[in-house]
Amino acid sequence: MLFTRDALTGIASGEIDLAFRRWRRPAVRPGTELRTEVGVLVIGEVEMVPETAVTDRDARRAGFADRERLLAGQRPGEDRRLYRIGVRLAGDDPRIRLRQDTDVSAARLDEIVAELGRVDAGSRRGPWTTQVLELIAGQPCVSAAELAAQVGREKLPFKADVRKLKERGLTESLATGYRLSPRGMLVLGRLRASGQG
């Protein structure tokens, strides 16, 4: 479930606590957590509602001026139903704290390196984690499309790989491109020292 930057800002400030989506089937369930640029969002009630039940007040709580604009922004389709979704900010994205954490023992660094080795071993195209870390380290703020092209990859699969590194607190997304986090630089140093960099 995606939100615009304006909607995320509204959720973070508490001005927005509802969302509406026209889906074939619900894409989220109550209790689902979504990590976003403003922090972790938690989904509340997910309820199918008729359009006639949507009020101007509901629309404002979802970040729209009125119900007419809210409904006009929904996906069309006879096979789709309108859902009213509660949403709130639950706290900071834990990856933010993780990527700043460089108080890591040598044994933990070795565990992280071994974990990246398992990711590489499970990849159909072979090892890639160190290559991507090196690429980002050498070219921060370069777009995903440009980085992907340099290693003969398509942009979307490349971005999916970078997200795997981001989950481990090793990279940070920027307005354009990426950079290594302090933790990522530490891990890359360990990979280099072990001859894997």
C-alpha atoms as a PDB file:
ATOM      1  CA  MET A   1       0.000   0.000   0.000  1.00  0.00           C
ATOM      2  CA  LEU A   2       1.611   3.214  -1.178  1.00  0.00           C
ATOM      3  CA  PHE A   3       1.119   6.765   0.062  1.00  0.00           C
ATOM      4  CA  THR A   4       2.099  10.063  -1.516  1.00  0.00           C
ATOM      5  CA  ARG A   5       4.696  12.173   0.264  1.00  0.00           C
ATOM      6  CA  ASP A   6       1.956  14.677   1.202  1.00  0.00           C
ATOM      7  CA  ALA A   7      -0.151  11.889   2.706  1.00  0.00           C
ATOM      8  CA  LEU A   8       2.830  10.581   4.687  1.00  0.00           C
ATOM      9  CA  THR A   9       3.486  14.068   6.030  1.00  0.00           C
ATOM     10  CA  GLY A  10      -0.176  14.317   7.062  1.00  0.00           C
ATOM     11  CA  ILE A  11      -0.078  10.931   8.780  1.00  0.00           C
ATOM     12  CA  ALA A  12       3.115  11.881  10.630  1.00  0.00           C
ATOM     13  CA  SER A  13       1.521  15.123  11.859  1.00  0.00           C
ATOM     14  CA  GLY A  14      -1.709  13.358  12.865  1.00  0.00           C
ATOM     15  CA  GLU A  15      -3.821  15.307  10.376  1.00  0.00           C
ATOM     16  CA  ILE A  16      -4.494  12.169   8.320  1.00  0.00           C
ATOM     17  CA  ASP A  17      -5.730   8.975   9.960  1.00  0.00           C
ATOM     18  CA  LEU A  18      -7.761   7.421   7.146  1.00  0.00           C
ATOM     19  CA  ALA A  19      -7.090   6.157   3.654  1.00  0.00           C
ATOM     20  CA  PHE A  20      -9.466   4.931   0.976  1.00  0.00           C
ATOM     21  CA  ARG A  21      -8.607   2.465  -1.752  1.00  0.00           C
ATOM     22  CA  ARG A  22     -10.660   0.743  -4.422  1.00  0.00           C
ATOM     23  CA  TRP A  23      -9.379  -2.849  -4.502  1.00  0.00           C
ATOM     24  CA  ARG A  24     -10.480  -6.206  -5.825  1.00  0.00           C
ATOM     25  CA  ARG A  25      -9.473  -7.582  -2.423  1.00  0.00           C
ATOM     26  CA  PRO A  26      -7.832  -5.878   0.565  1.00  0.00           C
ATOM     27  CA  ALA A  27      -4.075  -5.402   0.123  1.00  0.00           C
ATOM     28  CA  VAL A  28      -3.532  -4.977   3.886  1.00  0.00           C
ATOM     29  CA  ARG A  29      -5.009  -6.352   7.087  1.00  0.00           C
ATOM     30  CA  PRO A  30      -5.507  -4.747  10.481  1.00  0.00           C
ATOM     31  CA  GLY A  31      -2.181  -4.704  12.300  1.00  0.00           C
ATOM     32  CA  THR A  32      -0.074  -4.621   9.124  1.00  0.00           C
ATOM     33  CA  GLU A  33       3.039  -2.486   9.569  1.00  0.00           C
ATOM     34  CA  LEU A  34       4.387  -0.440   6.676  1.00  0.00           C
ATOM     35  CA  ARG A  35       7.843   1.126   6.727  1.00  0.00           C
ATOM     36  CA  THR A  36       7.873   4.518   5.073  1.00  0.00           C
ATOM     37  CA  GLU A  37      10.096   7.564   4.880  1.00  0.00           C
ATOM     38  CA  VAL A  38       8.284   9.105   7.875  1.00  0.00           C
ATOM     39  CA  GLY A  39       8.420   5.974  10.035  1.00  0.00           C
ATOM     40  CA  VAL A  40       6.435   2.810  10.638  1.00  0.00           C
ATOM     41  CA  LEU A  41       2.717   3.039   9.901  1.00  0.00           C
ATOM     42  CA  VAL A  42       0.208   0.645  11.426  1.00  0.00           C
ATOM     43  CA  ILE A  43      -3.009  -0.267   9.649  1.00  0.00           C
ATOM     44  CA  GLY A  44      -6.142  -0.171  11.765  1.00  0.00           C
ATOM     45  CA  GLU A  45      -9.602  -1.209  10.671  1.00  0.00           C
ATOM     46  CA  VAL A  46     -10.027  -2.250   7.024  1.00  0.00           C
ATOM     47  CA  GLU A  47     -13.687  -2.045   6.063  1.00  0.00           C
ATOM     48  CA  MET A  48     -15.494  -2.266   2.742  1.00  0.00           C
ATOM     49  CA  VAL A  49     -17.849   0.710   2.458  1.00  0.00           C
ATOM     50  CA  PRO A  50     -20.318   1.976  -0.144  1.00  0.00           C
ATOM     51  CA  GLU A  51     -19.359   5.269  -1.763  1.00  0.00           C
ATOM     52  CA  THR A  52     -22.530   6.801  -0.333  1.00  0.00           C
ATOM     53  CA  ALA A  53     -21.148   6.240   3.189  1.00  0.00           C
ATOM     54  CA  VAL A  54     -18.087   8.445   2.578  1.00  0.00           C
ATOM     55  CA  THR A  55     -18.495  11.921   4.084  1.00  0.00           C
ATOM     56  CA  ASP A  56     -16.627  15.178   3.550  1.00  0.00           C
ATOM     57  CA  ARG A  57     -15.215  14.704   7.053  1.00  0.00           C
ATOM     58  CA  ASP A  58     -13.872  11.269   6.044  1.00  0.00           C
ATOM     59  CA  ALA A  59     -12.311  12.857   2.972  1.00  0.00           C
ATOM     60  CA  ARG A  60     -10.563  15.518   5.048  1.00  0.00           C
ATOM     61  CA  ARG A  61      -9.284  12.841   7.440  1.00  0.00           C
ATOM     62  CA  ALA A  62      -7.807  11.145   4.346  1.00  0.00           C
ATOM     63  CA  GLY A  63      -6.162  14.348   3.095  1.00  0.00           C
ATOM     64  CA  PHE A  64      -8.739  15.435   0.503  1.00  0.00           C
ATOM     65  CA  ALA A  65     -10.739  18.657   0.343  1.00  0.00           C
ATOM     66  CA  ASP A  66     -14.054  16.789   0.017  1.00  0.00           C
ATOM     67  CA  ARG A  67     -15.596  13.395  -0.784  1.00  0.00           C
ATOM     68  CA  GLU A  68     -15.973  14.244  -4.470  1.00  0.00           C
ATOM     69  CA  ARG A  69     -12.207  14.683  -4.883  1.00  0.00           C
ATOM     70  CA  LEU A  70     -11.482  11.593  -2.820  1.00  0.00           C
ATOM     71  CA  LEU A  71     -13.765   9.431  -4.951  1.00  0.00           C
ATOM     72  CA  ALA A  72     -12.464  10.932  -8.206  1.00  0.00           C
ATOM     73  CA  GLY A  73      -8.965   9.813  -7.247  1.00  0.00           C
ATOM     74  CA  GLN A  74      -9.905   6.145  -6.835  1.00  0.00           C
ATOM     75  CA  ARG A  75      -9.104   3.440  -9.366  1.00  0.00           C
ATOM     76  CA  PRO A  76     -11.985   2.640 -11.694  1.00  0.00           C
ATOM     77  CA  GLY A  77     -13.328  -0.856 -12.270  1.00  0.00           C
ATOM     78  CA  GLU A  78     -16.585  -2.700 -11.794  1.00  0.00           C
ATOM     79  CA  ASP A  79     -14.716  -5.511 -10.032  1.00  0.00           C
ATOM     80  CA  ARG A  80     -13.293  -3.160  -7.407  1.00  0.00           C
ATOM     81  CA  ARG A  81     -14.808  -2.244  -4.043  1.00  0.00           C
ATOM     82  CA  LEU A  82     -14.085   0.783  -1.885  1.00  0.00           C
ATOM     83  CA  TYR A  83     -12.258   0.171   1.396  1.00  0.00           C
ATOM     84  CA  ARG A  84     -11.891   2.534   4.344  1.00  0.00           C
ATOM     85  CA  ILE A  85      -8.557   2.010   6.109  1.00  0.00           C
ATOM     86  CA  GLY A  86      -7.444   3.359   9.458  1.00  0.00           C
ATOM     87  CA  VAL A  87      -3.770   4.366   9.571  1.00  0.00           C
ATOM     88  CA  ARG A  88      -1.442   5.851  12.178  1.00  0.00           C
ATOM     89  CA  LEU A  89       2.233   6.475  12.761  1.00  0.00           C
ATOM     90  CA  ALA A  90       3.610   3.915  15.208  1.00  0.00           C
ATOM     91  CA  GLY A  91       7.190   5.131  15.500  1.00  0.00           C
ATOM     92  CA  ASP A  92      10.529   5.522  13.800  1.00  0.00           C
ATOM     93  CA  ASP A  93      11.746   3.120  11.149  1.00  0.00           C
ATOM     94  CA  PRO A  94      14.091   0.736  13.031  1.00  0.00           C
ATOM     95  CA  ARG A  95      16.427   0.712  10.007  1.00  0.00           C
ATOM     96  CA  ILE A  96      17.340   4.338  10.759  1.00  0.00           C
ATOM     97  CA  ARG A  97      18.771   3.396  14.144  1.00  0.00           C
ATOM     98  CA  LEU A  98      20.362   0.236  12.729  1.00  0.00           C
ATOM     99  CA  ARG A  99      22.242   2.038   9.972  1.00  0.00           C
ATOM    100  CA  GLN A 100      23.791   4.428  12.515  1.00  0.00           C
ATOM    101  CA  ASP A 101      24.889   1.571  14.778  1.00  0.00           C
ATOM    102  CA  THR A 102      28.629   1.046  14.369  1.00  0.00           C
ATOM    103  CA  ASP A 103      29.202  -0.308  17.868  1.00  0.00           C
ATOM    104  CA  VAL A 104      29.558  -3.799  16.433  1.00  0.00           C
ATOM    105  CA  SER A 105      31.904  -6.496  17.698  1.00  0.00           C
ATOM    106  CA  ALA A 106      34.259  -8.315  15.352  1.00  0.00           C
ATOM    107  CA  ALA A 107      32.181 -11.456  15.852  1.00  0.00           C
ATOM    108  CA  ARG A 108      28.976  -9.627  14.870  1.00  0.00           C
ATOM    109  CA  LEU A 109      30.690  -8.178  11.808  1.00  0.00           C
ATOM    110  CA  ASP A 110      31.680 -11.696  10.805  1.00  0.00           C
ATOM    111  CA  GLU A 111      28.057 -12.794  11.263  1.00  0.00           C
ATOM    112  CA  ILE A 112      26.875  -9.972   8.981  1.00  0.00           C
ATOM    113  CA  VAL A 113      29.476 -10.931   6.361  1.00  0.00           C
ATOM    114  CA  ALA A 114      28.344 -14.568   6.601  1.00  0.00           C
ATOM    115  CA  GLU A 115      24.708 -13.466   6.262  1.00  0.00           C
ATOM    116  CA  LEU A 116      25.574 -11.563   3.064  1.00  0.00           C
ATOM    117  CA  GLY A 117      27.346 -14.702   1.859  1.00  0.00           C
ATOM    118  CA  ARG A 118      24.115 -16.654   2.337  1.00  0.00           C
ATOM    119  CA  VAL A 119      22.211 -14.003   0.372  1.00  0.00           C
ATOM    120  CA  ASP A 120      24.765 -14.374  -2.429  1.00  0.00           C
ATOM    121  CA  ALA A 121      24.574 -18.171  -2.292  1.00  0.00           C
ATOM    122  CA  GLY A 122      20.796 -18.029  -2.685  1.00  0.00           C
ATOM    123  CA  SER A 123      20.972 -15.769  -5.734  1.00  0.00           C
ATOM    124  CA  ARG A 124      20.377 -17.250  -9.183  1.00  0.00           C
ATOM    125  CA  ARG A 125      22.898 -14.907 -10.762  1.00  0.00           C
ATOM    126  CA  GLY A 126      25.649 -15.484  -8.221  1.00  0.00           C
ATOM    127  CA  PRO A 127      27.321 -13.153  -5.707  1.00  0.00           C
ATOM    128  CA  TRP A 128      26.201  -9.530  -5.861  1.00  0.00           C
ATOM    129  CA  THR A 129      26.127  -7.993  -2.367  1.00  0.00           C
ATOM    130  CA  THR A 130      29.737  -6.800  -2.230  1.00  0.00           C
ATOM    131  CA  GLN A 131      29.573  -5.536  -5.815  1.00  0.00           C
ATOM    132  CA  VAL A 132      26.515  -3.408  -5.042  1.00  0.00           C
ATOM    133  CA  LEU A 133      27.996  -2.080  -1.795  1.00  0.00           C
ATOM    134  CA  GLU A 134      31.187  -1.100  -3.667  1.00  0.00           C
ATOM    135  CA  LEU A 135      29.149   0.496  -6.449  1.00  0.00           C
ATOM    136  CA  ILE A 136      27.158   2.632  -4.021  1.00  0.00           C
ATOM    137  CA  ALA A 137      30.243   3.491  -1.957  1.00  0.00           C
ATOM    138  CA  GLY A 138      32.014   4.777  -5.051  1.00  0.00           C
ATOM    139  CA  GLN A 139      29.033   6.591  -6.548  1.00  0.00           C
ATOM    140  CA  PRO A 140      26.679   8.054  -3.964  1.00  0.00           C
ATOM    141  CA  CYS A 141      23.744  10.084  -5.300  1.00  0.00           C
ATOM    142  CA  VAL A 142      23.821   8.279  -8.668  1.00  0.00           C
ATOM    143  CA  SER A 143      20.420   7.081  -9.861  1.00  0.00           C
ATOM    144  CA  ALA A 144      19.436   3.434  -9.595  1.00  0.00           C
ATOM    145  CA  ALA A 145      19.004   3.291 -13.379  1.00  0.00           C
ATOM    146  CA  GLU A 146      22.585   4.455 -13.964  1.00  0.00           C
ATOM    147  CA  LEU A 147      24.043   2.107 -11.354  1.00  0.00           C
ATOM    148  CA  ALA A 148      22.050  -0.833 -12.699  1.00  0.00           C
ATOM    149  CA  ALA A 149      23.227  -0.142 -16.244  1.00  0.00           C
ATOM    150  CA  GLN A 150      26.853  -0.177 -15.110  1.00  0.00           C
ATOM    151  CA  VAL A 151      26.504  -3.780 -13.977  1.00  0.00           C
ATOM    152  CA  GLY A 152      24.216  -4.897 -16.812  1.00  0.00           C
ATOM    153  CA  ARG A 153      21.066  -5.082 -14.703  1.00  0.00           C
ATOM    154  CA  GLU A 154      17.513  -3.854 -15.101  1.00  0.00           C
ATOM    155  CA  LYS A 155      16.576  -1.016 -12.768  1.00  0.00           C
ATOM    156  CA  LEU A 156      13.735  -2.674 -10.817  1.00  0.00           C
ATOM    157  CA  PRO A 157      15.583  -5.910  -9.919  1.00  0.00           C
ATOM    158  CA  PHE A 158      18.613  -3.813  -8.994  1.00  0.00           C
ATOM    159  CA  LYS A 159      16.488  -1.642  -6.685  1.00  0.00           C
ATOM    160  CA  ALA A 160      15.049  -4.800  -5.102  1.00  0.00           C
ATOM    161  CA  ASP A 161      18.582  -5.933  -4.304  1.00  0.00           C
ATOM    162  CA  VAL A 162      19.474  -2.566  -2.785  1.00  0.00           C
ATOM    163  CA  ARG A 163      16.359  -2.852  -0.589  1.00  0.00           C
ATOM    164  CA  LYS A 164      17.753  -6.141   0.776  1.00  0.00           C
ATOM    165  CA  LEU A 165      20.861  -4.243   1.855  1.00  0.00           C
ATOM    166  CA  LYS A 166      18.726  -1.413   3.235  1.00  0.00           C
ATOM    167  CA  GLU A 167      16.794  -3.928   5.379  1.00  0.00           C
ATOM    168  CA  ARG A 168      20.119  -4.757   7.023  1.00  0.00           C
ATOM    169  CA  GLY A 169      20.882  -1.094   7.689  1.00  0.00           C
ATOM    170  CA  LEU A 170      23.701  -0.971   5.134  1.00  0.00           C
ATOM    171  CA  THR A 171      22.373   1.585   2.638  1.00  0.00           C
ATOM    172  CA  GLU A 172      20.273   4.747   2.690  1.00  0.00           C
ATOM    173  CA  SER A 173      17.987   6.001  -0.068  1.00  0.00           C
ATOM    174  CA  LEU A 174      18.521   9.601  -1.136  1.00  0.00           C
ATOM    175  CA  ALA A 175      16.420  11.917  -3.304  1.00  0.00           C
ATOM    176  CA  THR A 176      18.509  10.532  -6.163  1.00  0.00           C
ATOM    177  CA  GLY A 177      20.391   7.293  -5.678  1.00  0.00           C
ATOM    178  CA  TYR A 178      21.849   5.891  -2.505  1.00  0.00           C
ATOM    179  CA  ARG A 179      24.762   6.056  -0.113  1.00  0.00           C
ATOM    180  CA  LEU A 180      26.266   3.623   2.333  1.00  0.00           C
ATOM    181  CA  SER A 181      25.227   4.094   5.931  1.00  0.00           C
ATOM    182  CA  PRO A 182      27.888   4.250   8.649  1.00  0.00           C
ATOM    183  CA  ARG A 183      27.105   0.595   9.351  1.00  0.00           C
ATOM    184  CA  GLY A 184      27.376  -0.192   5.638  1.00  0.00           C
ATOM    185  CA  MET A 185      30.821   1.404   5.457  1.00  0.00           C
ATOM    186  CA  LEU A 186      31.906  -0.666   8.448  1.00  0.00           C
ATOM    187  CA  VAL A 187      30.645  -3.881   6.836  1.00  0.00           C
ATOM    188  CA  LEU A 188      32.248  -3.047   3.496  1.00  0.00           C
ATOM    189  CA  GLY A 189      35.541  -2.481   5.299  1.00  0.00           C
ATOM    190  CA  ARG A 190      35.216  -5.946   6.828  1.00  0.00           C
ATOM    191  CA  LEU A 191      34.447  -7.458   3.428  1.00  0.00           C
ATOM    192  CA  ARG A 192      37.519  -5.772   1.960  1.00  0.00           C
ATOM    193  CA  ALA A 193      39.709  -6.934   4.841  1.00  0.00           C
ATOM    194  CA  SER A 194      38.516 -10.500   4.361  1.00  0.00           C
ATOM    195  CA  GLY A 195      39.352 -10.357   0.654  1.00  0.00           C
ATOM    196  CA  GLN A 196      35.711 -10.216  -0.442  1.00  0.00           C
ATOM    197  CA  GLY A 197      35.743  -6.544  -1.337  1.00  0.00           C
END
